[in-house]
C-alpha cells in the first residue's frame, strides 16, 4: 500500500471514530477512560497537537468542537452525567501513575 492510500484510509477511520463518538452521547468520557485509557478529550488533544506541529494555530476549544460536533460546554450540559463512585474509583485505580 502506498503512503497516500494509507493516509486516506487512516483519515477515513478517524472520521468514522469521531462520527461514532458523536452518536454515542450515552457513553461518558469516564467510561471510555476506564475501558480504553482515552476519551473524547484525549482525541481532541491529539488532534490539536498534530495541528500545532504542522504550524496550524488551534486551541483546545476548537479541537474539542471538532471531536464533539459542538462546543464542549454545550455537549457537557446536554449529555454529561455525574460519575458514579464506582467509576471514580476505577478511574483512580487505573491512573495511579498519572
Protein backbone atom coordinates (compact mmCIF):
# COMPACT_ATOMS: atom_id res chain seq x y z
CA UNK A 1 0.00 0.00 0.00
CA UNK A 2 1.37 3.42 -0.89
CA UNK A 3 1.67 6.20 1.68
CA UNK A 4 -1.14 8.35 0.23
CA UNK A 5 -3.63 5.47 0.29
CA UNK A 6 -2.63 4.63 3.85
CA UNK A 7 -3.11 8.27 4.86
CA UNK A 8 -6.56 8.36 3.24
CA UNK A 9 -7.60 5.14 4.97
CA UNK A 10 -6.37 6.39 8.33
CA UNK A 11 -8.27 9.65 7.82
CA UNK A 12 -11.44 7.73 6.94
CA UNK A 13 -11.07 5.56 10.05
CA UNK A 14 -10.59 8.69 12.18
CA UNK A 15 -13.72 10.29 10.71
CA UNK A 16 -15.66 7.10 11.44
CA UNK A 17 -14.43 7.07 15.05
CA UNK A 18 -15.37 10.70 15.58
CA UNK A 19 -18.79 10.13 14.00
CA UNK A 20 -19.37 7.11 16.19
CA UNK A 21 -18.43 9.03 19.34
CA UNK A 22 -20.74 11.89 18.35
CA UNK A 23 -23.63 9.44 18.00
CA UNK A 24 -22.88 7.63 21.27
CA UNK A 25 -23.59 10.50 23.63
CA UNK A 26 -24.70 7.91 26.17
CA UNK A 27 -21.10 6.77 26.57
CA UNK A 28 -19.42 9.00 29.10
CA UNK A 29 -15.77 10.04 28.86
CA UNK A 30 -15.02 8.36 32.17
CA UNK A 31 -16.36 5.09 30.72
CA UNK A 32 -14.02 5.48 27.74
CA UNK A 33 -11.09 6.27 30.04
CA UNK A 34 -11.82 3.32 32.30
CA UNK A 35 -12.12 0.87 29.42
CA UNK A 36 -9.62 2.16 26.87
CA UNK A 37 -7.39 4.71 28.55
CA UNK A 38 -8.51 7.57 26.29
CA UNK A 39 -11.62 9.68 25.78
CA UNK A 40 -13.01 12.39 23.54
CA UNK A 41 -10.83 14.99 25.27
CA UNK A 42 -7.70 12.91 24.61
CA UNK A 43 -8.66 12.57 20.96
CA UNK A 44 -9.21 16.31 20.64
CA UNK A 45 -5.87 17.00 22.38
CA UNK A 46 -4.07 14.69 19.94
CA UNK A 47 -5.77 16.49 17.05
CA UNK A 48 -4.73 19.88 18.44
CA UNK A 49 -1.15 18.72 18.97
CA UNK A 50 -0.97 17.39 15.40
CA UNK A 51 -2.33 20.68 14.05
CA UNK A 52 0.12 22.71 16.12
CA UNK A 53 3.03 20.53 14.95
CA UNK A 54 2.04 21.41 11.37
CA UNK A 55 2.06 25.12 12.22
CA UNK A 56 -1.74 25.38 12.39
CA UNK A 57 -2.87 27.53 15.29
CA UNK A 58 -5.60 25.53 17.02
CA UNK A 59 -6.66 25.86 20.63
CA UNK A 60 -8.24 23.28 22.92
CA UNK A 61 -11.78 24.58 22.41
CA UNK A 62 -11.56 24.44 18.61
CA UNK A 63 -10.17 20.90 18.72
CA UNK A 64 -12.86 19.76 21.13
CA UNK A 65 -15.57 21.22 18.91
CA UNK A 66 -14.22 19.17 16.00
CA UNK A 67 -14.49 15.98 18.05
CA UNK A 68 -17.71 16.71 19.94
CA UNK A 69 -19.51 18.28 16.98
CA UNK A 70 -20.45 21.27 19.16
CA UNK A 71 -18.81 23.43 21.80
CA UNK A 72 -17.66 21.25 24.70
CA UNK A 73 -19.71 23.21 27.26
CA UNK A 74 -22.85 22.57 25.25
CA UNK A 75 -22.10 18.84 24.99
CA UNK A 76 -21.32 18.67 28.71
CA UNK A 77 -24.60 20.39 29.63
CA UNK A 78 -26.64 18.14 27.32
CA UNK A 79 -25.02 14.75 27.80
CA UNK A 80 -22.50 14.53 30.64
CA UNK A 81 -23.67 12.87 33.82
CA UNK A 82 -22.08 12.77 37.26
CA UNK A 83 -19.62 9.92 37.56
CA UNK A 84 -20.62 7.21 39.98
CA UNK A 85 -18.43 6.35 42.95
CA UNK A 86 -17.55 3.08 41.17
CA UNK A 87 -16.48 4.93 38.02
CA UNK A 88 -14.38 7.36 40.05
CA UNK A 89 -12.75 4.51 41.97
CA UNK A 90 -11.96 2.60 38.79
CA UNK A 91 -10.52 5.75 37.22
CA UNK A 92 -8.34 6.45 40.28
CA UNK A 93 -7.06 2.89 40.30
CA UNK A 94 -6.24 2.89 36.59
CA UNK A 95 -4.50 6.27 36.70
CA UNK A 96 -2.33 5.96 39.81
CA UNK A 97 0.84 6.86 37.94
CA UNK A 98 -0.54 9.93 36.19
